[in-house]
Protein backbone atom coordinates (compact mmCIF):
# COMPACT_ATOMS: atom_id res chain seq x y z
CA MET A 1 300.52 26.53 143.83
CA PHE A 2 298.64 27.07 140.65
CA CYS A 3 295.12 26.57 142.20
CA GLY A 4 296.54 29.19 144.91
CA ILE A 5 297.04 31.87 142.79
CA TRP A 6 294.09 31.28 140.86
CA ARG A 7 291.65 31.57 143.77
CA ARG A 8 293.69 34.78 144.85
CA GLN A 9 293.12 36.13 141.41
CA ASN A 10 289.44 35.35 141.44
CA ARG A 11 288.80 37.25 144.94
CA PHE A 12 291.20 40.16 143.72
CA ALA A 13 288.50 40.19 140.33
CA ILE A 14 285.00 39.44 142.91
CA LYS A 15 286.61 42.41 144.96
CA CYS A 16 287.75 44.79 142.10
CA CYS A 17 283.90 43.73 140.43
CA TYR A 18 282.37 44.40 143.53
CA GLU A 19 283.75 48.03 144.28
CA LEU A 20 282.63 49.05 140.39
CA VAL A 21 279.39 48.08 140.94
CA VAL A 22 279.36 50.11 144.35
CA PHE A 23 280.89 53.02 142.32
CA PHE A 24 278.22 53.07 139.40
CA THR A 25 275.35 52.57 142.10
CA ASP A 26 276.70 55.39 144.02
CA ILE A 27 276.74 57.51 140.55
CA ASN A 28 273.22 56.55 140.17
CA VAL A 29 271.85 57.25 143.15
CA GLN A 30 268.80 59.67 143.44
CA GLN A 31 268.09 62.24 145.53
CA LYS A 32 264.48 60.47 145.88
CA ASP A 33 266.20 57.79 146.83
CA ILE A 34 268.25 59.49 149.43
CA PHE A 35 265.42 60.74 151.07
CA LEU A 36 263.43 57.79 151.21
CA ALA A 37 265.87 55.68 153.14
CA SER A 38 267.22 58.51 155.43
CA GLU A 39 267.01 61.96 154.63
CA ALA A 40 263.32 62.93 154.77
CA ASP A 41 263.43 61.47 158.35
CA ALA A 42 266.16 63.89 159.23
CA TRP A 43 264.63 66.66 157.65
CA PHE A 44 261.15 65.84 159.89
CA GLU A 45 263.60 65.32 162.74
CA ARG A 46 265.48 69.08 162.35
CA ASN A 47 261.88 70.99 161.30
CA HIS A 48 259.46 68.61 163.77
CA GLN A 49 259.73 71.93 166.63
CA ALA A 50 259.32 74.76 163.85
CA CYS A 51 256.08 72.88 162.44
CA LEU A 52 254.86 72.84 165.61
CA GLU A 53 255.15 76.85 165.99
CA ARG A 54 253.60 77.63 162.70
CA ASP A 55 250.70 79.73 162.67
CA PHE A 56 248.33 78.69 159.87
CA ALA A 57 245.91 81.30 160.07
CA ASN A 58 248.21 84.40 160.06
CA ASP A 59 251.54 83.59 158.98
CA ASP A 60 250.63 81.15 156.10
CA LEU A 61 250.50 81.96 151.91
CA VAL A 62 249.11 78.51 150.99
CA ALA A 63 246.39 78.63 153.62
CA ARG A 64 245.32 81.84 152.46
CA ILE A 65 244.95 81.04 148.69
CA VAL A 66 243.35 77.91 149.92
CA ALA A 67 240.36 80.07 151.59
CA ARG A 68 240.01 82.10 148.84
CA ILE A 69 239.71 79.47 146.60
CA VAL A 70 237.06 77.71 148.53
CA SER A 71 235.00 80.70 149.02
CA ARG A 72 235.28 80.97 144.98
CA VAL A 73 233.82 77.37 144.66
CA SER A 74 231.18 77.94 147.32
CA LEU A 75 230.28 81.10 145.57
CA HIS A 76 229.74 79.24 142.40
CA GLY A 77 227.85 76.07 144.19
CA GLY A 78 230.30 73.58 143.84
CA GLY A 79 230.57 70.31 145.57
CA PRO A 80 233.39 68.93 148.18
CA ILE A 81 236.77 70.03 147.65
CA LYS A 82 239.77 67.57 147.34
CA LEU A 83 242.92 69.09 148.54
CA LEU A 84 246.50 66.95 147.64
CA GLU A 85 249.58 68.39 149.49
CA ILE A 86 253.28 67.00 147.84
CA GLY A 87 255.51 67.27 150.55
CA CYS A 88 252.98 67.17 153.24
CA GLY A 89 255.37 66.79 156.00
CA GLU A 90 253.81 65.55 159.10
CA GLY A 91 250.42 67.37 158.11
CA ARG A 92 249.99 70.21 160.11
CA ARG A 93 248.90 72.51 157.22
CA LEU A 94 246.43 69.95 156.11
CA GLU A 95 244.93 69.57 159.30
CA TRP A 96 244.43 73.16 159.77
CA LEU A 97 243.06 73.21 156.32
CA ALA A 98 240.65 70.21 157.03
CA LYS A 99 239.03 71.57 159.97
CA ASN A 100 238.59 75.07 159.13
CA PHE A 101 237.01 74.56 155.41
CA ASN A 102 235.64 71.33 155.52
CA ILE A 103 237.60 70.00 152.41
CA GLU A 104 239.04 66.20 151.94
CA VAL A 105 242.83 66.72 152.49
CA TYR A 106 245.64 63.93 151.22
CA GLY A 107 249.32 64.12 151.37
CA ILE A 108 252.10 62.78 149.74
CA GLU A 109 255.53 62.76 151.86
CA PRO A 110 258.73 60.52 151.51
CA SER A 111 259.33 60.58 155.84
CA ALA A 112 257.75 57.81 156.97
CA LYS A 113 258.11 59.26 160.56
CA ALA A 114 256.18 62.06 159.16
CA VAL A 115 253.32 60.16 157.28
CA GLU A 116 253.17 58.32 160.79
CA GLN A 117 252.38 62.01 162.68
CA ALA A 118 250.35 63.33 159.17
CA CYS A 119 247.67 60.22 160.14
CA SER A 120 247.29 60.64 163.41
CA ARG A 121 245.87 63.98 162.78
CA GLY A 122 243.67 62.62 160.45
CA VAL A 123 245.04 63.44 157.45
CA LYS A 124 245.23 60.66 154.63
CA ALA A 125 248.98 60.84 153.94
CA GLN A 126 251.21 58.49 152.02
CA ARG A 127 254.69 57.58 151.73
CA GLY A 128 256.11 58.22 148.52
CA THR A 129 257.45 60.70 145.96
CA ALA A 130 256.03 63.11 143.45
CA ASP A 131 257.21 61.28 140.29
CA THR A 132 254.61 58.52 141.16
CA LEU A 133 251.39 59.38 142.98
CA PRO A 134 248.99 56.84 143.87
CA PHE A 135 245.97 58.05 143.07
CA GLU A 136 243.03 57.96 140.49
CA THR A 137 243.27 59.96 137.46
CA ALA A 138 241.27 63.70 137.86
CA SER A 139 240.79 62.94 141.85
CA PHE A 140 241.64 66.67 143.10
CA ASP A 141 240.72 70.07 142.91
CA ILE A 142 243.93 71.55 144.81
CA VAL A 143 247.51 70.26 144.00
CA VAL A 144 249.69 71.95 146.09
CA PHE A 145 253.58 71.53 145.90
CA GLY A 146 254.57 72.29 149.81
CA PHE A 147 258.63 73.28 149.60
CA CYS A 148 259.90 70.30 147.93
CA LEU A 149 260.76 70.69 144.37
CA TYR A 150 264.05 72.23 144.76
CA LEU A 151 264.83 68.72 146.19
CA CYS A 152 263.75 66.90 143.25
CA ASP A 153 265.74 65.12 140.71
CA ARG A 154 266.04 67.24 137.46
CA GLN A 155 265.23 64.01 135.15
CA ASP A 156 261.86 63.86 137.32
CA LEU A 157 260.25 67.28 136.69
CA PHE A 158 258.41 66.13 133.24
CA ARG A 159 257.09 63.14 135.48
CA ILE A 160 256.12 64.84 138.24
CA ALA A 161 254.07 67.65 136.40
CA CYS A 162 252.56 64.77 134.17
CA GLU A 163 251.84 63.18 137.27
CA ALA A 164 250.27 66.39 139.01
CA ASP A 165 248.05 66.92 135.84
CA ARG A 166 246.88 63.66 135.61
CA VAL A 167 245.38 63.38 139.10
CA LEU A 168 243.93 67.17 138.58
CA LYS A 169 240.23 67.32 137.42
CA PRO A 170 239.84 69.42 133.96
CA LYS A 171 239.10 72.40 135.77
CA ALA A 172 241.67 73.03 138.65
CA TRP A 173 243.93 74.52 140.69
CA VAL A 174 248.15 74.42 141.45
CA ILE A 175 249.86 75.67 144.24
CA ILE A 176 253.50 76.33 144.06
CA ASN A 177 255.60 77.21 146.98
CA ASP A 178 259.23 76.69 146.33
CA PHE A 179 263.09 78.73 146.11
CA PHE A 180 262.45 80.99 143.59
CA SER A 181 265.46 82.00 140.52
CA SER A 182 264.93 83.66 137.32
CA THR A 183 267.71 81.33 135.77
CA PRO A 184 268.01 77.95 136.98
CA MET A 185 270.35 77.66 139.83
CA LYS A 186 272.22 74.82 141.81
CA ARG A 187 273.85 74.70 145.06
CA GLU A 188 274.65 72.06 147.52
CA TYR A 189 272.72 70.52 149.75
CA HIS A 190 274.34 71.66 153.24
CA HIS A 191 272.69 68.91 155.19
CA LYS A 192 273.80 66.40 153.17
CA SER A 193 277.02 65.63 150.86
CA GLY A 194 276.67 64.49 147.29
CA MET A 195 273.53 66.49 147.18
CA TYR A 196 271.80 69.54 145.59
CA SER A 197 268.99 71.72 146.09
CA TYR A 198 268.25 73.66 142.58
CA LYS A 199 266.12 77.12 142.18
CA MET A 200 263.89 77.87 139.44
CA ASP A 201 260.82 79.47 138.21
CA TYR A 202 258.60 76.47 138.82
CA ARG A 203 255.33 77.72 136.88
CA THR A 204 257.71 77.11 133.82
CA ILE A 205 256.75 73.08 134.40
CA PHE A 206 253.25 73.71 133.72
CA ASP A 207 252.34 77.13 132.02
CA TRP A 208 254.21 76.23 128.95
CA HIS A 209 251.19 74.39 128.14
CA PRO A 210 247.92 76.31 127.19
CA ALA A 211 245.82 74.69 130.13
CA TYR A 212 247.51 76.52 132.18
CA THR A 213 247.42 79.91 133.31
CA CYS A 214 248.80 81.35 136.17
CA TYR A 215 247.00 83.93 138.28
CA GLU A 216 249.43 84.81 140.81
CA HIS A 217 253.03 85.04 141.48
CA LYS A 218 254.07 86.27 144.70
CA LEU A 219 257.92 87.15 145.53
CA THR A 220 259.02 86.38 148.85
CA SER A 221 262.09 85.25 151.04
CA HIS A 222 262.89 82.39 152.99
CA SER A 223 263.58 83.91 156.39
CA LEU A 224 264.22 87.32 156.14
CA GLY A 225 261.21 89.50 155.29
CA ASP A 226 259.82 90.34 151.75
CA LEU A 227 261.75 93.39 150.23
CA ILE A 228 265.49 91.21 149.88
CA ASP A 229 267.98 91.74 146.88
CA ASP A 230 269.75 88.35 147.59
CA PRO A 231 268.82 85.89 145.22
CA GLN A 232 269.80 83.00 147.16
CA GLU A 233 267.20 83.75 149.75
CA TRP A 234 264.10 84.05 146.99
CA VAL A 235 260.77 82.37 147.29
CA ALA A 236 257.83 82.39 145.65
CA ILE A 237 254.34 81.32 145.72
CA SER A 238 252.50 80.82 142.82
CA LEU A 239 248.91 80.18 141.59
CA LEU A 240 248.27 78.51 138.46
CA ARG A 241 244.54 77.56 137.15
CA LYS A 242 244.22 74.18 135.19
CA VAL A 243 240.87 74.39 132.83
CA THR A 244 241.08 71.64 129.94
CA THR A 245 239.03 71.59 126.98
CA SER A 246 237.36 69.14 125.47
CA ASN A 247 239.75 69.57 122.05
CA GLU A 248 242.84 69.46 123.61
């Protein structure tokens, strides 16, 4: 009888420990882990058709900015340009840029399905997240954040900026296309319970440092045109210049 009671108590204790582990693990799950596990592929499935319909020649502000940078580099006799897009999706923008401006394009994307599509388009894409970039220091002339920062874990923002700075050359460019808010804003992510989207002025993770200067900052909206009063719809595209001197 005693042994039977002990076994029941032991099973109960093990069950309680297991439930506690699950509970605390769920609390500490990061959004990047959820994206790597399933949500990134779900995002790809939801947006695949819309991505195929994008007109990068006439309706893409990032592409226009890259075109101007390429012209500037060519004017001053610079060498081949290497561009990294963080949150590259299925690589259609990178494919278009490579074909039209003869630049080397690389991508980081958490969706395995999107990475497969990007690679099929000739993009050097890898599966990963913005806080750990699998590239050598001072590799890129341009880093583009392609509408991904608003879903990144807040505790990773310093690391994300640090990694982008590390892979950028001493003289380089950062393009940020993302939701904008003059004060930080948190909203529930309506595609998956328990996740959040974060809106803020994402220039600030770079331009607090004297090496970074904001050259341009244009406010638009997510879907309704340029002149919108609803701050929930605000989107910004920002161009920052990095110039690191030898004494910094």
